[in-house]
Amino acid sequence: MIIPAMLQAGDRVAAVSLSWGGACAVPERYEIGKRQIQEEFGLSVVEMPNTKAPAEWIAKHPEARAADLMQAFEDPSVRGIVSVIGGSDSIRILPYLNLEVIRRNPKPFIGYSDSTVTHLACYAAGVCSYYGPSVLSGFAENGGMHRYLAESFRRVVMSAEPPGILKENREGWTVEFIPWEDPEKQSVRRTLRPSDGWQWLQGRGRAEGQLFGGCLEVLDWLRGSPVWPDRERFPDTVLFLETSEEAPSPEAVQRMVRALFAAMPVDRVQGVLFGRPGGPLDPVRFTEYYRVLQQVVGEELGKTDLPIVCGMDFGHTDPFMTIPYGVRAHIDCAAREIAIKDAAVSKR
């Protein structure tokens, strides 16, 4: 994998609308996200030609969304790229992407959820990308972004030192939704639930592999697409998976994980990291997800000692960490530690 150069204060990062046109639909929220990125990290957010186009127009023109992404990669004055928000149809940009452009111009791409599509395009191009906040969600957090999110982003994308041991979020977490259309509510902090820690379902010894994954529903759409990794080239892998705010049923999760394992060499899977489930779920039901995940790993991989860690702080609950694709993760089951011992970005 090509490791992009780190971001640093003063850099220009391009905001791109790859699915829903949220920058136009909720402009006040978008401007708040830009401002909080500037205040927290010293980064200057700039737009591509269609970033702020009307949502209806954006929906009809996947080729324009892809053109913005390619322009952002090719523009030497842009040092990083961040998704405005997710959605449901980034997959429509795939026919218009040029993977060689990404490979020739490696730079950090940041986003989550539907941006899993673009992450797999970067992965297919051989370039490390970063599963993390978007402008509207995470960076534009009500009342200022969470320390946990900001510290993780800074450690992974703005420092050439290895991120080291991943830390559990102790601030508390939330899925509360305060309407973005009302800017007066932007100062209202969301209610946090107590953090209940990560759950180590199983595992023995130590495991190591390259990080690969994303939003489970989007990965399910991408199986068989041009950006899906070649089975023969899949490295030893630590999967990181999470579910969206649509809160798929445990049965749906079971089927999607089975299909995922069918689309990759299961002997290369060295561990599974599962994010805290998103959406309007009672936390007592999280164990239903974890149970079917453990069941599928046992049935399809035949490994009762494969590390499985659930309820982790990434995905569709806030705050969440930033995870680099293609960088090695180390899992120590005895110490109950997960670490990234290699730098996720390179020095400038």
Protein backbone atom coordinates (compact mmCIF):
# COMPACT_ATOMS: atom_id res chain seq x y z
CA MET A 1 0.00 0.00 0.00
CA ILE A 2 1.10 3.55 -0.74
CA ILE A 3 0.99 5.59 2.46
CA PRO A 4 -0.04 9.22 1.77
CA ALA A 5 1.73 12.19 3.31
CA MET A 6 0.39 13.44 6.64
CA LEU A 7 -1.89 16.43 6.87
CA GLN A 8 -0.69 19.45 8.79
CA ALA A 9 -2.01 22.84 9.82
CA GLY A 10 -2.33 25.19 6.86
CA ASP A 11 -3.16 22.44 4.37
CA ARG A 12 -6.10 22.73 2.00
CA VAL A 13 -8.50 19.78 2.06
CA ALA A 14 -11.23 19.35 -0.52
CA ALA A 15 -14.81 18.63 0.55
CA VAL A 16 -16.54 16.36 -1.96
CA SER A 17 -20.21 15.40 -2.29
CA LEU A 18 -20.09 11.75 -3.35
CA SER A 19 -23.66 10.72 -2.61
CA TRP A 20 -26.20 13.06 -0.96
CA GLY A 21 -25.84 16.79 -1.64
CA GLY A 22 -25.81 17.77 2.02
CA ALA A 23 -23.63 20.87 1.61
CA CYS A 24 -26.50 22.57 -0.23
CA ALA A 25 -29.35 20.93 1.68
CA VAL A 26 -28.06 22.02 5.12
CA PRO A 27 -25.63 24.87 4.34
CA GLU A 28 -25.40 26.18 7.91
CA ARG A 29 -24.36 22.75 9.20
CA TYR A 30 -21.80 22.49 6.39
CA GLU A 31 -20.26 25.87 7.26
CA ILE A 32 -20.07 24.86 10.93
CA GLY A 33 -18.23 21.68 9.97
CA LYS A 34 -15.76 23.70 7.92
CA ARG A 35 -15.20 26.13 10.77
CA GLN A 36 -14.69 23.42 13.37
CA ILE A 37 -12.16 21.65 11.14
CA GLN A 38 -10.27 24.94 10.79
CA GLU A 39 -10.40 25.71 14.50
CA GLU A 40 -9.45 22.22 15.69
CA PHE A 41 -6.82 21.20 13.13
CA GLY A 42 -5.83 24.35 11.25
CA LEU A 43 -6.97 22.81 7.96
CA SER A 44 -8.66 24.93 5.30
CA VAL A 45 -11.69 23.27 3.68
CA VAL A 46 -12.25 24.13 0.01
CA GLU A 47 -14.97 23.11 -2.42
CA MET A 48 -14.80 21.33 -5.73
CA PRO A 49 -17.02 22.60 -8.60
CA ASN A 50 -20.08 20.57 -7.57
CA THR A 51 -19.64 20.22 -3.80
CA LYS A 52 -22.43 22.70 -3.04
CA ALA A 53 -24.70 21.87 -5.98
CA PRO A 54 -28.40 21.25 -5.17
CA ALA A 55 -29.06 17.80 -3.75
CA GLU A 56 -31.51 17.00 -6.56
CA TRP A 57 -28.87 17.79 -9.20
CA ILE A 58 -26.17 15.86 -7.35
CA ALA A 59 -28.45 12.80 -7.26
CA LYS A 60 -28.81 12.85 -11.04
CA HIS A 61 -25.14 13.33 -11.88
CA PRO A 62 -22.82 10.65 -10.49
CA GLU A 63 -20.34 11.52 -13.24
CA ALA A 64 -20.00 15.04 -11.79
CA ARG A 65 -19.43 13.66 -8.30
CA ALA A 66 -16.69 11.40 -9.65
CA ALA A 67 -15.15 14.30 -11.60
CA ASP A 68 -14.92 16.32 -8.38
CA LEU A 69 -13.14 13.44 -6.65
CA MET A 70 -10.68 13.00 -9.52
CA GLN A 71 -10.02 16.75 -9.63
CA ALA A 72 -9.35 16.77 -5.90
CA PHE A 73 -6.80 13.98 -6.27
CA GLU A 74 -5.09 15.67 -9.22
CA ASP A 75 -4.96 19.19 -7.76
CA PRO A 76 -1.47 19.61 -6.21
CA SER A 77 -2.71 22.43 -3.97
CA VAL A 78 -5.12 20.01 -2.26
CA ARG A 79 -3.40 17.86 0.37
CA GLY A 80 -6.40 15.81 1.55
CA ILE A 81 -10.02 14.98 0.73
CA VAL A 82 -12.98 14.63 3.07
CA SER A 83 -16.49 13.41 2.25
CA VAL A 84 -19.27 15.88 3.02
CA ILE A 85 -21.59 13.06 4.14
CA GLY A 86 -22.62 9.54 3.22
CA GLY A 87 -25.86 8.52 1.54
CA SER A 88 -26.93 5.51 -0.45
CA ASP A 89 -25.60 5.69 -3.99
CA SER A 90 -21.85 6.40 -4.09
CA ILE A 91 -21.67 3.11 -5.95
CA ARG A 92 -22.92 4.98 -9.03
CA ILE A 93 -19.63 6.90 -9.27
CA LEU A 94 -17.58 3.74 -9.85
CA PRO A 95 -17.80 3.70 -13.68
CA TYR A 96 -16.34 7.21 -13.79
CA LEU A 97 -13.35 6.74 -11.49
CA ASN A 98 -9.78 6.44 -12.71
CA LEU A 99 -7.81 4.36 -10.24
CA GLU A 100 -4.52 5.37 -11.86
CA VAL A 101 -5.27 9.01 -10.99
CA ILE A 102 -5.64 7.97 -7.34
CA ARG A 103 -2.47 5.90 -7.44
CA ARG A 104 -0.40 8.69 -9.04
CA ASN A 105 -1.67 11.30 -6.58
CA PRO A 106 -1.90 9.62 -3.16
CA LYS A 107 -3.39 11.82 -0.46
CA PRO A 108 -5.58 11.14 2.57
CA PHE A 109 -9.24 10.47 1.80
CA ILE A 110 -11.49 10.57 4.88
CA GLY A 111 -15.12 9.51 5.27
CA TYR A 112 -17.34 6.67 6.45
CA SER A 113 -20.64 4.88 5.77
CA ASP A 114 -21.43 5.13 2.02
CA SER A 115 -17.88 6.44 1.51
CA THR A 116 -16.86 2.79 1.88
CA VAL A 117 -17.23 2.81 -1.92
CA THR A 118 -14.45 5.37 -2.31
CA HIS A 119 -12.31 3.61 0.28
CA LEU A 120 -12.43 0.41 -1.75
CA ALA A 121 -11.53 2.39 -4.87
CA CYS A 122 -8.48 3.73 -3.03
CA TYR A 123 -7.68 0.21 -1.79
CA ALA A 124 -7.92 -1.12 -5.35
CA ALA A 125 -5.55 1.65 -6.43
CA GLY A 126 -3.14 0.57 -3.71
CA VAL A 127 -3.49 3.75 -1.64
CA CYS A 128 -4.20 3.86 2.09
CA SER A 129 -7.35 5.79 3.07
CA TYR A 130 -9.01 6.58 6.39
CA TYR A 131 -12.40 5.48 7.71
CA GLY A 132 -13.34 8.49 9.77
CA PRO A 133 -15.50 11.61 10.13
CA SER A 134 -17.33 13.49 7.42
CA VAL A 135 -17.90 17.24 7.30
CA LEU A 136 -21.55 17.05 8.39
CA SER A 137 -21.23 14.13 10.78
CA GLY A 138 -18.38 14.06 13.26
CA PHE A 139 -16.54 17.22 12.29
CA ALA A 140 -19.73 19.34 12.65
CA GLU A 141 -20.70 17.80 16.00
CA ASN A 142 -23.15 19.91 18.00
CA GLY A 143 -21.36 22.18 20.44
CA GLY A 144 -17.93 21.25 19.06
CA MET A 145 -16.40 17.94 18.07
CA HIS A 146 -15.71 15.30 20.69
CA ARG A 147 -12.17 15.04 22.10
CA TYR A 148 -12.07 11.32 21.35
CA LEU A 149 -12.80 11.90 17.66
CA ALA A 150 -10.36 14.81 17.34
CA GLU A 151 -7.52 13.02 19.13
CA SER A 152 -7.91 9.86 17.05
CA PHE A 153 -7.99 11.81 13.77
CA ARG A 154 -4.90 13.75 14.79
CA ARG A 155 -2.99 10.61 15.80
CA VAL A 156 -3.82 8.71 12.61
CA VAL A 157 -3.85 11.35 9.84
CA MET A 158 -1.77 14.24 11.21
CA SER A 159 1.18 12.43 12.75
CA ALA A 160 3.79 10.24 11.08
CA GLU A 161 4.29 8.40 14.36
CA PRO A 162 2.52 5.02 14.66
CA PRO A 163 -0.91 5.49 16.30
CA GLY A 164 -0.10 2.76 18.82
CA ILE A 165 -2.66 1.15 21.11
CA LEU A 166 -6.25 2.01 20.22
CA LYS A 167 -8.04 3.65 23.11
CA GLU A 168 -11.57 2.97 24.26
CA ASN A 169 -13.90 5.95 24.37
CA ARG A 170 -14.65 6.93 27.97
CA GLU A 171 -16.64 10.09 27.18
CA GLY A 172 -19.90 8.30 26.55
CA TRP A 173 -21.61 7.69 23.22
CA THR A 174 -24.73 8.76 21.37
CA VAL A 175 -27.00 8.14 18.39
CA GLU A 176 -29.35 10.99 19.29
CA PHE A 177 -30.31 13.00 16.22
CA ILE A 178 -30.90 16.74 16.50
CA PRO A 179 -32.25 18.09 13.17
CA TRP A 180 -29.50 19.72 11.15
CA GLU A 181 -31.91 22.08 9.38
CA ASP A 182 -32.27 24.27 12.48
CA PRO A 183 -28.97 26.13 13.07
CA GLU A 184 -30.20 27.37 16.47
CA LYS A 185 -29.96 23.79 17.75
CA GLN A 186 -26.32 23.46 16.73
CA SER A 187 -25.17 24.56 20.18
CA VAL A 188 -27.30 21.89 21.89
CA ARG A 189 -25.02 19.05 22.95
CA ARG A 190 -26.34 15.56 22.34
CA THR A 191 -27.09 13.32 25.30
CA LEU A 192 -24.39 10.72 25.93
CA ARG A 193 -24.96 7.19 27.18
CA PRO A 194 -22.33 5.72 29.51
CA SER A 195 -19.50 3.95 27.70
CA ASP A 196 -19.68 0.23 28.39
CA GLY A 197 -16.31 -0.78 26.97
CA TRP A 198 -15.37 -3.13 24.17
CA GLN A 199 -16.45 -6.76 24.37
CA TRP A 200 -13.85 -9.45 23.68
CA LEU A 201 -16.08 -12.30 22.53
CA GLN A 202 -13.30 -14.78 21.86
CA GLY A 203 -9.68 -15.08 20.88
CA ARG A 204 -6.41 -16.53 22.00
CA GLY A 205 -2.82 -15.44 21.57
CA ARG A 206 -1.82 -12.74 19.11
CA ALA A 207 -3.01 -11.95 15.61
CA GLU A 208 -1.91 -9.53 12.91
CA GLY A 209 -3.25 -8.39 9.55
CA GLN A 210 -3.94 -5.44 7.29
CA LEU A 211 -7.06 -3.46 8.17
CA PHE A 212 -9.90 -3.80 5.68
CA GLY A 213 -13.64 -3.26 6.00
CA GLY A 214 -16.21 -0.49 6.40
CA CYS A 215 -19.98 -0.29 6.51
CA LEU A 216 -21.30 -3.84 6.22
CA GLU A 217 -24.30 -2.95 4.05
CA VAL A 218 -22.10 -1.07 1.55
CA LEU A 219 -19.54 -3.87 1.45
CA ASP A 220 -22.44 -6.18 0.60
CA TRP A 221 -23.31 -3.98 -2.41
CA LEU A 222 -19.69 -3.93 -3.59
CA ARG A 223 -19.08 -7.67 -3.79
CA GLY A 224 -18.22 -8.49 -7.40
CA SER A 225 -17.70 -4.86 -8.39
CA PRO A 226 -14.52 -3.71 -10.19
CA VAL A 227 -13.03 -2.42 -6.92
CA TRP A 228 -13.55 -5.61 -4.93
CA PRO A 229 -10.13 -7.07 -4.00
CA ASP A 230 -8.80 -10.00 -5.99
CA ARG A 231 -9.11 -13.17 -3.89
CA GLU A 232 -5.57 -14.21 -4.83
CA ARG A 233 -4.12 -10.93 -3.57
CA PHE A 234 -5.99 -10.66 -0.28
CA PRO A 235 -3.35 -10.28 2.45
CA ASP A 236 -3.68 -11.50 6.02
CA THR A 237 -6.54 -9.29 7.14
CA VAL A 238 -8.11 -7.83 10.26
CA LEU A 239 -11.68 -7.00 9.29
CA PHE A 240 -13.39 -3.96 10.76
CA LEU A 241 -17.15 -3.96 10.22
CA GLU A 242 -20.03 -1.76 11.36
CA THR A 243 -23.73 -1.36 10.61
CA SER A 244 -25.55 1.79 9.54
CA GLU A 245 -28.22 3.93 11.15
CA GLU A 246 -30.81 1.79 9.33
CA ALA A 247 -30.20 -0.86 12.00
CA PRO A 248 -30.41 -4.05 9.89
CA SER A 249 -31.82 -7.07 11.66
CA PRO A 250 -29.44 -9.61 13.21
CA GLU A 251 -30.61 -12.04 10.51
CA ALA A 252 -29.59 -9.58 7.80
CA VAL A 253 -26.21 -9.10 9.47
CA GLN A 254 -25.76 -12.86 9.56
CA ARG A 255 -26.42 -13.15 5.82
CA MET A 256 -24.17 -10.22 4.91
CA VAL A 257 -21.24 -11.53 6.95
CA ARG A 258 -21.66 -14.99 5.40
CA ALA A 259 -21.65 -13.44 1.93
CA LEU A 260 -18.58 -11.37 2.82
CA PHE A 261 -16.68 -14.47 3.88
CA ALA A 262 -17.74 -16.20 0.66
CA ALA A 263 -16.16 -13.35 -1.32
CA MET A 264 -12.73 -13.55 0.31
CA PRO A 265 -10.24 -16.25 1.31
CA VAL A 266 -11.33 -16.96 4.88
CA ASP A 267 -7.96 -18.42 5.83
CA ARG A 268 -6.56 -14.89 5.51
CA VAL A 269 -8.92 -13.47 8.15
CA GLN A 270 -6.91 -13.04 11.33
CA GLY A 271 -9.43 -11.12 13.43
CA VAL A 272 -12.75 -9.26 13.36
CA LEU A 273 -13.40 -5.84 14.89
CA PHE A 274 -17.09 -4.88 15.07
CA GLY A 275 -18.31 -1.35 15.72
CA ARG A 276 -21.09 -0.47 18.13
CA PRO A 277 -24.34 -0.95 16.14
CA GLY A 278 -25.86 2.24 14.79
CA GLY A 279 -29.47 3.33 14.63
CA PRO A 280 -32.40 3.38 17.06
CA LEU A 281 -31.56 0.13 18.84
CA ASP A 282 -31.92 -0.61 22.52
CA PRO A 283 -28.34 -1.40 23.61
CA VAL A 284 -29.52 -4.63 25.19
CA ARG A 285 -30.05 -5.89 21.63
CA PHE A 286 -26.42 -5.37 20.65
CA THR A 287 -25.67 -8.86 21.90
CA GLU A 288 -27.94 -10.26 19.17
CA TYR A 289 -25.54 -8.84 16.58
CA TYR A 290 -22.51 -10.11 18.43
CA ARG A 291 -24.03 -13.58 18.77
CA VAL A 292 -24.68 -14.01 15.04
CA LEU A 293 -21.22 -12.65 14.21
CA GLN A 294 -19.61 -15.21 16.48
CA GLN A 295 -21.82 -17.92 15.02
CA VAL A 296 -20.87 -17.11 11.42
CA VAL A 297 -17.17 -16.94 12.25
CA GLY A 298 -17.43 -20.38 13.82
CA GLU A 299 -19.39 -21.87 10.92
CA GLU A 300 -17.59 -20.30 7.97
CA LEU A 301 -14.05 -19.97 9.33
CA GLY A 302 -14.12 -22.90 11.74
CA LYS A 303 -12.15 -20.88 14.27
CA THR A 304 -13.24 -20.65 17.87
CA ASP A 305 -10.02 -18.90 18.85
CA LEU A 306 -10.15 -16.16 16.18
CA PRO A 307 -10.12 -12.75 17.92
CA ILE A 308 -13.52 -11.03 17.81
CA VAL A 309 -13.90 -7.67 19.52
CA CYS A 310 -17.31 -5.97 19.49
CA GLY A 311 -18.88 -2.69 20.53
CA MET A 312 -15.89 -0.71 19.32
CA ASP A 313 -15.95 3.04 18.81
CA PHE A 314 -16.25 3.40 15.05
CA GLY A 315 -19.11 3.70 12.61
CA HIS A 316 -22.57 5.10 13.18
CA THR A 317 -22.35 6.04 16.85
CA ASP A 318 -20.49 9.09 18.10
CA PRO A 319 -17.75 9.80 18.88
CA PHE A 320 -15.71 7.47 16.70
CA MET A 321 -12.10 6.72 15.90
CA THR A 322 -10.34 6.98 12.54
CA ILE A 323 -9.16 3.67 11.05
CA PRO A 324 -6.54 3.41 8.27
CA TYR A 325 -7.01 0.89 5.46
CA GLY A 326 -4.11 -1.35 4.53
CA VAL A 327 -2.08 -0.68 7.69
CA ARG A 328 -1.27 -3.61 9.97
CA ALA A 329 -3.25 -4.06 13.16
CA HIS A 330 -1.96 -6.21 16.04
CA ILE A 331 -4.39 -7.92 18.41
CA ASP A 332 -3.12 -9.21 21.75
CA CYS A 333 -5.89 -11.25 23.34
CA ALA A 334 -4.11 -11.83 26.64
CA ALA A 335 -3.43 -8.13 27.16
CA ARG A 336 -6.72 -7.18 25.50
CA GLU A 337 -4.96 -4.63 23.34
CA ILE A 338 -5.38 -3.63 19.71
CA ALA A 339 -2.55 -1.59 18.27
CA ILE A 340 -1.42 -0.01 15.03
CA LYS A 341 2.37 -0.19 15.23
CA ASP A 342 3.13 1.23 11.78
CA ALA A 343 2.64 4.83 10.75
CA ALA A 344 -0.64 5.42 8.90
CA VAL A 345 0.73 8.47 7.07
CA SER A 346 4.22 9.39 5.90
CA LYS A 347 6.35 12.39 6.76
CA ARG A 348 6.28 15.42 4.48
